Amino acid sequence: MTRLKKAQHSLKHPPAPARQWRIHLSIESRKLKLSAASLRKLVSEVLLQVESEIALKNICELNVVLTDDARIREINKEYRKKDKATDVLSFPQFLPAEISGKRKTPDLFNTYLGDLVISTETTLQQARSFGVTPYQELIRLVVHGVLHLCGYDHEKVPFKDAQRMRRRERKIRALIDTL
């Protein structure tokens, strides 16, 4: 097929549109002084970067909670048995093999990718510590959390898998930072 015919063919058959994400926000802490629209746009941009890795086509929803250190500490203690505040918690609804399509899921009607909980206080502290803006730190945390929802890990995996997550995180952050 010639280049012209290939171009004409691609015009007749455009790529399928990206899935329509429903992002549910709960802003319990406003310390970041970020609008819901700005947060939704950031999360949408991150999801756009990873959606090709989500084999389950029905997945189209995500919950994001911005909270304070006290609340995230409670959640961390309850679900991870760690009695301390943290920056971001991810609660995936599917196993990594289900997200990637390597294993069938029994829950074909679940539309939730999962939940992200982010501490605004820790975000601000880490931004100061790392010498970045609070928004840049928030980008890092959203990317990190979404990658966990997509099956990436850096704690309970071999070093090469942890490195794979870090590389993916850097690549997405570089793309988001240019927007």
C-alpha atoms as a PDB file:
ATOM      1  CA  MET A   1       0.000   0.000   0.000  1.00  0.00           C
ATOM      2  CA  THR A   2       1.404   3.419  -0.936  1.00  0.00           C
ATOM      3  CA  ARG A   3       1.846   6.180   1.630  1.00  0.00           C
ATOM      4  CA  LEU A   4      -1.050   8.112   0.134  1.00  0.00           C
ATOM      5  CA  LYS A   5      -3.368   5.111   0.332  1.00  0.00           C
ATOM      6  CA  LYS A   6      -2.244   4.428   3.913  1.00  0.00           C
ATOM      7  CA  ALA A   7      -2.998   8.033   4.839  1.00  0.00           C
ATOM      8  CA  GLN A   8      -6.397   7.879   3.155  1.00  0.00           C
ATOM      9  CA  HIS A   9      -7.138   4.557   4.879  1.00  0.00           C
ATOM     10  CA  SER A  10      -6.251   6.000   8.290  1.00  0.00           C
ATOM     11  CA  LEU A  11      -8.563   8.960   7.650  1.00  0.00           C
ATOM     12  CA  LYS A  12     -11.446   6.584   6.935  1.00  0.00           C
ATOM     13  CA  HIS A  13     -10.757   4.558  10.079  1.00  0.00           C
ATOM     14  CA  PRO A  14      -9.655   6.915  12.846  1.00  0.00           C
ATOM     15  CA  PRO A  15      -8.445   5.364  16.081  1.00  0.00           C
ATOM     16  CA  ALA A  16     -11.105   4.536  18.623  1.00  0.00           C
ATOM     17  CA  PRO A  17     -11.760   7.428  20.995  1.00  0.00           C
ATOM     18  CA  ALA A  18     -10.290   7.283  24.470  1.00  0.00           C
ATOM     19  CA  ARG A  19     -12.646   6.012  27.140  1.00  0.00           C
ATOM     20  CA  GLN A  20     -14.712   8.589  28.951  1.00  0.00           C
ATOM     21  CA  TRP A  21     -13.390   8.675  32.500  1.00  0.00           C
ATOM     22  CA  ARG A  22     -15.614   9.580  35.427  1.00  0.00           C
ATOM     23  CA  ILE A  23     -13.429  11.017  38.144  1.00  0.00           C
ATOM     24  CA  HIS A  24     -15.111  11.342  41.521  1.00  0.00           C
ATOM     25  CA  LEU A  25     -13.442  13.898  43.757  1.00  0.00           C
ATOM     26  CA  SER A  26     -13.644  14.395  47.481  1.00  0.00           C
ATOM     27  CA  ILE A  27     -11.685  17.421  48.621  1.00  0.00           C
ATOM     28  CA  GLU A  28     -11.612  17.203  52.401  1.00  0.00           C
ATOM     29  CA  SER A  29      -8.548  19.427  52.727  1.00  0.00           C
ATOM     30  CA  ARG A  30      -8.085  22.597  50.707  1.00  0.00           C
ATOM     31  CA  LYS A  31      -4.489  23.273  51.769  1.00  0.00           C
ATOM     32  CA  LEU A  32      -3.271  22.911  48.185  1.00  0.00           C
ATOM     33  CA  LYS A  33      -5.650  25.684  47.075  1.00  0.00           C
ATOM     34  CA  LEU A  34      -6.499  23.690  43.989  1.00  0.00           C
ATOM     35  CA  SER A  35      -9.839  23.798  42.237  1.00  0.00           C
ATOM     36  CA  ALA A  36     -11.783  20.639  41.558  1.00  0.00           C
ATOM     37  CA  ALA A  37     -11.521  21.400  37.833  1.00  0.00           C
ATOM     38  CA  SER A  38      -7.707  21.603  38.005  1.00  0.00           C
ATOM     39  CA  LEU A  39      -7.463  18.358  39.950  1.00  0.00           C
ATOM     40  CA  ARG A  40      -9.850  16.602  37.554  1.00  0.00           C
ATOM     41  CA  LYS A  41      -7.801  17.819  34.570  1.00  0.00           C
ATOM     42  CA  LEU A  42      -4.562  16.545  36.119  1.00  0.00           C
ATOM     43  CA  VAL A  43      -6.034  13.137  36.904  1.00  0.00           C
ATOM     44  CA  SER A  44      -7.526  12.945  33.384  1.00  0.00           C
ATOM     45  CA  GLU A  45      -4.125  13.649  31.821  1.00  0.00           C
ATOM     46  CA  VAL A  46      -2.501  10.908  33.876  1.00  0.00           C
ATOM     47  CA  LEU A  47      -5.264   8.426  33.016  1.00  0.00           C
ATOM     48  CA  LEU A  48      -4.862   9.258  29.326  1.00  0.00           C
ATOM     49  CA  GLN A  49      -1.209   8.208  29.583  1.00  0.00           C
ATOM     50  CA  VAL A  50      -2.000   4.801  31.111  1.00  0.00           C
ATOM     51  CA  GLU A  51      -5.336   3.794  29.626  1.00  0.00           C
ATOM     52  CA  SER A  52      -3.733   1.681  26.892  1.00  0.00           C
ATOM     53  CA  GLU A  53      -2.345  -0.507  29.700  1.00  0.00           C
ATOM     54  CA  ILE A  54      -5.832  -1.187  31.055  1.00  0.00           C
ATOM     55  CA  ALA A  55      -7.160  -4.180  29.143  1.00  0.00           C
ATOM     56  CA  LEU A  56     -10.558  -4.131  30.843  1.00  0.00           C
ATOM     57  CA  LYS A  57     -12.635  -1.903  28.580  1.00  0.00           C
ATOM     58  CA  ASN A  58     -15.393  -1.359  31.139  1.00  0.00           C
ATOM     59  CA  ILE A  59     -13.001   0.420  33.535  1.00  0.00           C
ATOM     60  CA  CYS A  60     -13.868   4.105  33.416  1.00  0.00           C
ATOM     61  CA  GLU A  61     -14.144   5.417  36.988  1.00  0.00           C
ATOM     62  CA  LEU A  62     -11.751   6.536  39.671  1.00  0.00           C
ATOM     63  CA  ASN A  63     -12.170   8.044  43.131  1.00  0.00           C
ATOM     64  CA  VAL A  64      -9.688  10.664  44.326  1.00  0.00           C
ATOM     65  CA  VAL A  65      -9.641  12.006  47.869  1.00  0.00           C
ATOM     66  CA  LEU A  66      -7.534  14.947  49.055  1.00  0.00           C
ATOM     67  CA  THR A  67      -7.338  14.793  52.833  1.00  0.00           C
ATOM     68  CA  ASP A  68      -5.089  15.725  55.752  1.00  0.00           C
ATOM     69  CA  ASP A  69      -2.394  13.793  57.609  1.00  0.00           C
ATOM     70  CA  ALA A  70      -4.700  12.765  60.444  1.00  0.00           C
ATOM     71  CA  ARG A  71      -7.208  11.122  58.113  1.00  0.00           C
ATOM     72  CA  ILE A  72      -4.660   9.417  55.864  1.00  0.00           C
ATOM     73  CA  ARG A  73      -2.955   8.097  59.011  1.00  0.00           C
ATOM     74  CA  GLU A  74      -6.260   6.513  60.097  1.00  0.00           C
ATOM     75  CA  ILE A  75      -6.724   4.931  56.671  1.00  0.00           C
ATOM     76  CA  ASN A  76      -3.108   3.741  56.568  1.00  0.00           C
ATOM     77  CA  LYS A  77      -3.470   2.179  60.011  1.00  0.00           C
ATOM     78  CA  GLU A  78      -6.769   0.499  59.154  1.00  0.00           C
ATOM     79  CA  TYR A  79      -5.815  -0.944  55.776  1.00  0.00           C
ATOM     80  CA  ARG A  80      -2.021  -1.314  55.870  1.00  0.00           C
ATOM     81  CA  LYS A  81      -1.458  -1.668  59.640  1.00  0.00           C
ATOM     82  CA  LYS A  82       0.968   1.287  59.523  1.00  0.00           C
ATOM     83  CA  ASP A  83       0.237   3.886  62.180  1.00  0.00           C
ATOM     84  CA  LYS A  84       1.672   6.889  60.358  1.00  0.00           C
ATOM     85  CA  ALA A  85       0.729   9.465  57.786  1.00  0.00           C
ATOM     86  CA  THR A  86       1.850   8.895  54.216  1.00  0.00           C
ATOM     87  CA  ASP A  87       1.688  10.839  50.970  1.00  0.00           C
ATOM     88  CA  VAL A  88      -0.563   8.668  48.802  1.00  0.00           C
ATOM     89  CA  LEU A  89      -2.546   5.470  49.217  1.00  0.00           C
ATOM     90  CA  SER A  90      -3.863   3.443  46.310  1.00  0.00           C
ATOM     91  CA  PHE A  91      -6.671   0.932  46.558  1.00  0.00           C
ATOM     92  CA  PRO A  92      -6.950  -0.992  43.289  1.00  0.00           C
ATOM     93  CA  GLN A  93     -10.129  -2.876  42.498  1.00  0.00           C
ATOM     94  CA  PHE A  94      -8.389  -5.450  40.321  1.00  0.00           C
ATOM     95  CA  LEU A  95      -5.299  -7.615  40.415  1.00  0.00           C
ATOM     96  CA  PRO A  96      -2.411  -6.565  38.144  1.00  0.00           C
ATOM     97  CA  ALA A  97      -2.975  -9.601  35.888  1.00  0.00           C
ATOM     98  CA  GLU A  98      -6.659  -8.668  35.526  1.00  0.00           C
ATOM     99  CA  ILE A  99      -5.857  -5.051  34.610  1.00  0.00           C
ATOM    100  CA  SER A 100      -3.335  -6.148  31.986  1.00  0.00           C
ATOM    101  CA  GLY A 101      -5.694  -8.758  30.552  1.00  0.00           C
ATOM    102  CA  LYS A 102      -3.447 -11.713  31.419  1.00  0.00           C
ATOM    103  CA  ARG A 103      -6.113 -13.127  33.715  1.00  0.00           C
ATOM    104  CA  LYS A 104      -9.879 -13.017  33.418  1.00  0.00           C
ATOM    105  CA  THR A 105     -11.760 -11.191  36.122  1.00  0.00           C
ATOM    106  CA  PRO A 106     -14.927 -12.590  37.636  1.00  0.00           C
ATOM    107  CA  ASP A 107     -16.250  -9.039  38.077  1.00  0.00           C
ATOM    108  CA  LEU A 108     -16.996  -7.972  34.505  1.00  0.00           C
ATOM    109  CA  PHE A 109     -19.416  -5.234  35.538  1.00  0.00           C
ATOM    110  CA  ASN A 110     -17.156  -3.322  37.907  1.00  0.00           C
ATOM    111  CA  THR A 111     -16.260   0.024  36.327  1.00  0.00           C
ATOM    112  CA  TYR A 112     -13.932   1.303  39.079  1.00  0.00           C
ATOM    113  CA  LEU A 113     -10.190   1.324  38.605  1.00  0.00           C
ATOM    114  CA  GLY A 114      -9.820   2.117  42.296  1.00  0.00           C
ATOM    115  CA  ASP A 115      -9.313   4.840  44.879  1.00  0.00           C
ATOM    116  CA  LEU A 116      -6.502   7.309  45.483  1.00  0.00           C
ATOM    117  CA  VAL A 117      -6.119   9.081  48.805  1.00  0.00           C
ATOM    118  CA  ILE A 118      -3.589  11.927  48.933  1.00  0.00           C
ATOM    119  CA  SER A 119      -2.499  13.923  51.972  1.00  0.00           C
ATOM    120  CA  THR A 120      -2.330  17.629  51.206  1.00  0.00           C
ATOM    121  CA  GLU A 121      -0.160  18.279  54.273  1.00  0.00           C
ATOM    122  CA  THR A 122       2.422  15.689  53.253  1.00  0.00           C
ATOM    123  CA  THR A 123       2.261  16.973  49.672  1.00  0.00           C
ATOM    124  CA  LEU A 124       3.190  20.460  50.898  1.00  0.00           C
ATOM    125  CA  GLN A 125       5.958  19.151  53.195  1.00  0.00           C
ATOM    126  CA  GLN A 126       7.491  17.024  50.440  1.00  0.00           C
ATOM    127  CA  ALA A 127       7.280  19.867  47.911  1.00  0.00           C
ATOM    128  CA  ARG A 128       9.334  22.060  50.260  1.00  0.00           C
ATOM    129  CA  SER A 129      11.752  19.220  50.979  1.00  0.00           C
ATOM    130  CA  PHE A 130      12.232  18.320  47.278  1.00  0.00           C
ATOM    131  CA  GLY A 131      12.423  21.961  46.138  1.00  0.00           C
ATOM    132  CA  VAL A 132       9.430  21.731  43.808  1.00  0.00           C
ATOM    133  CA  THR A 133       6.060  23.444  43.680  1.00  0.00           C
ATOM    134  CA  PRO A 134       3.113  21.848  45.482  1.00  0.00           C
ATOM    135  CA  TYR A 135       1.500  21.224  42.083  1.00  0.00           C
ATOM    136  CA  GLN A 136       4.608  19.394  40.803  1.00  0.00           C
ATOM    137  CA  GLU A 137       4.566  17.202  43.906  1.00  0.00           C
ATOM    138  CA  LEU A 138       0.854  16.556  43.406  1.00  0.00           C
ATOM    139  CA  ILE A 139       1.607  15.452  39.827  1.00  0.00           C
ATOM    140  CA  ARG A 140       4.176  12.996  41.181  1.00  0.00           C
ATOM    141  CA  LEU A 141       1.726  11.582  43.709  1.00  0.00           C
ATOM    142  CA  VAL A 142      -1.155  11.237  41.236  1.00  0.00           C
ATOM    143  CA  VAL A 143       1.092   9.496  38.701  1.00  0.00           C
ATOM    144  CA  HIS A 144       2.541   7.233  41.390  1.00  0.00           C
ATOM    145  CA  GLY A 145      -0.895   6.340  42.738  1.00  0.00           C
ATOM    146  CA  VAL A 146      -2.459   5.697  39.335  1.00  0.00           C
ATOM    147  CA  LEU A 147       0.443   3.436  38.377  1.00  0.00           C
ATOM    148  CA  HIS A 148      -0.231   1.383  41.510  1.00  0.00           C
ATOM    149  CA  LEU A 149      -3.879   1.112  40.440  1.00  0.00           C
ATOM    150  CA  CYS A 150      -2.661  -0.180  37.074  1.00  0.00           C
ATOM    151  CA  GLY A 151      -0.666  -2.968  38.698  1.00  0.00           C
ATOM    152  CA  TYR A 152       2.764  -1.395  39.045  1.00  0.00           C
ATOM    153  CA  ASP A 153       4.663  -1.891  42.290  1.00  0.00           C
ATOM    154  CA  HIS A 154       8.005  -0.896  43.776  1.00  0.00           C
ATOM    155  CA  GLU A 155       7.880  -2.469  47.234  1.00  0.00           C
ATOM    156  CA  LYS A 156       7.009  -6.166  46.989  1.00  0.00           C
ATOM    157  CA  VAL A 157       8.606  -6.931  43.643  1.00  0.00           C
ATOM    158  CA  PRO A 158      12.055  -7.667  42.191  1.00  0.00           C
ATOM    159  CA  PHE A 159      14.340  -4.674  41.646  1.00  0.00           C
ATOM    160  CA  LYS A 160      13.803  -4.703  37.855  1.00  0.00           C
ATOM    161  CA  ASP A 161      10.031  -4.355  38.311  1.00  0.00           C
ATOM    162  CA  ALA A 162      10.525  -1.488  40.751  1.00  0.00           C
ATOM    163  CA  GLN A 163      12.788   0.180  38.201  1.00  0.00           C
ATOM    164  CA  ARG A 164      10.124  -0.352  35.520  1.00  0.00           C
ATOM    165  CA  MET A 165       7.624   1.555  37.665  1.00  0.00           C
ATOM    166  CA  ARG A 166      10.092   4.389  38.308  1.00  0.00           C
ATOM    167  CA  ARG A 167      10.888   4.706  34.595  1.00  0.00           C
ATOM    168  CA  ARG A 168       7.179   4.774  33.710  1.00  0.00           C
ATOM    169  CA  GLU A 169       6.538   7.351  36.411  1.00  0.00           C
ATOM    170  CA  ARG A 170       9.332   9.631  35.122  1.00  0.00           C
ATOM    171  CA  LYS A 171       8.094   9.329  31.534  1.00  0.00           C
ATOM    172  CA  ILE A 172       4.503  10.251  32.432  1.00  0.00           C
ATOM    173  CA  ARG A 173       5.615  13.116  34.664  1.00  0.00           C
ATOM    174  CA  ALA A 174       7.769  14.511  31.863  1.00  0.00           C
ATOM    175  CA  LEU A 175       4.757  14.447  29.528  1.00  0.00           C
ATOM    176  CA  ILE A 176       2.429  16.008  32.098  1.00  0.00           C
ATOM    177  CA  ASP A 177       4.939  18.716  33.082  1.00  0.00           C
ATOM    178  CA  THR A 178       5.003  19.931  29.476  1.00  0.00           C
ATOM    179  CA  LEU A 179       1.212  20.430  29.334  1.00  0.00           C
END
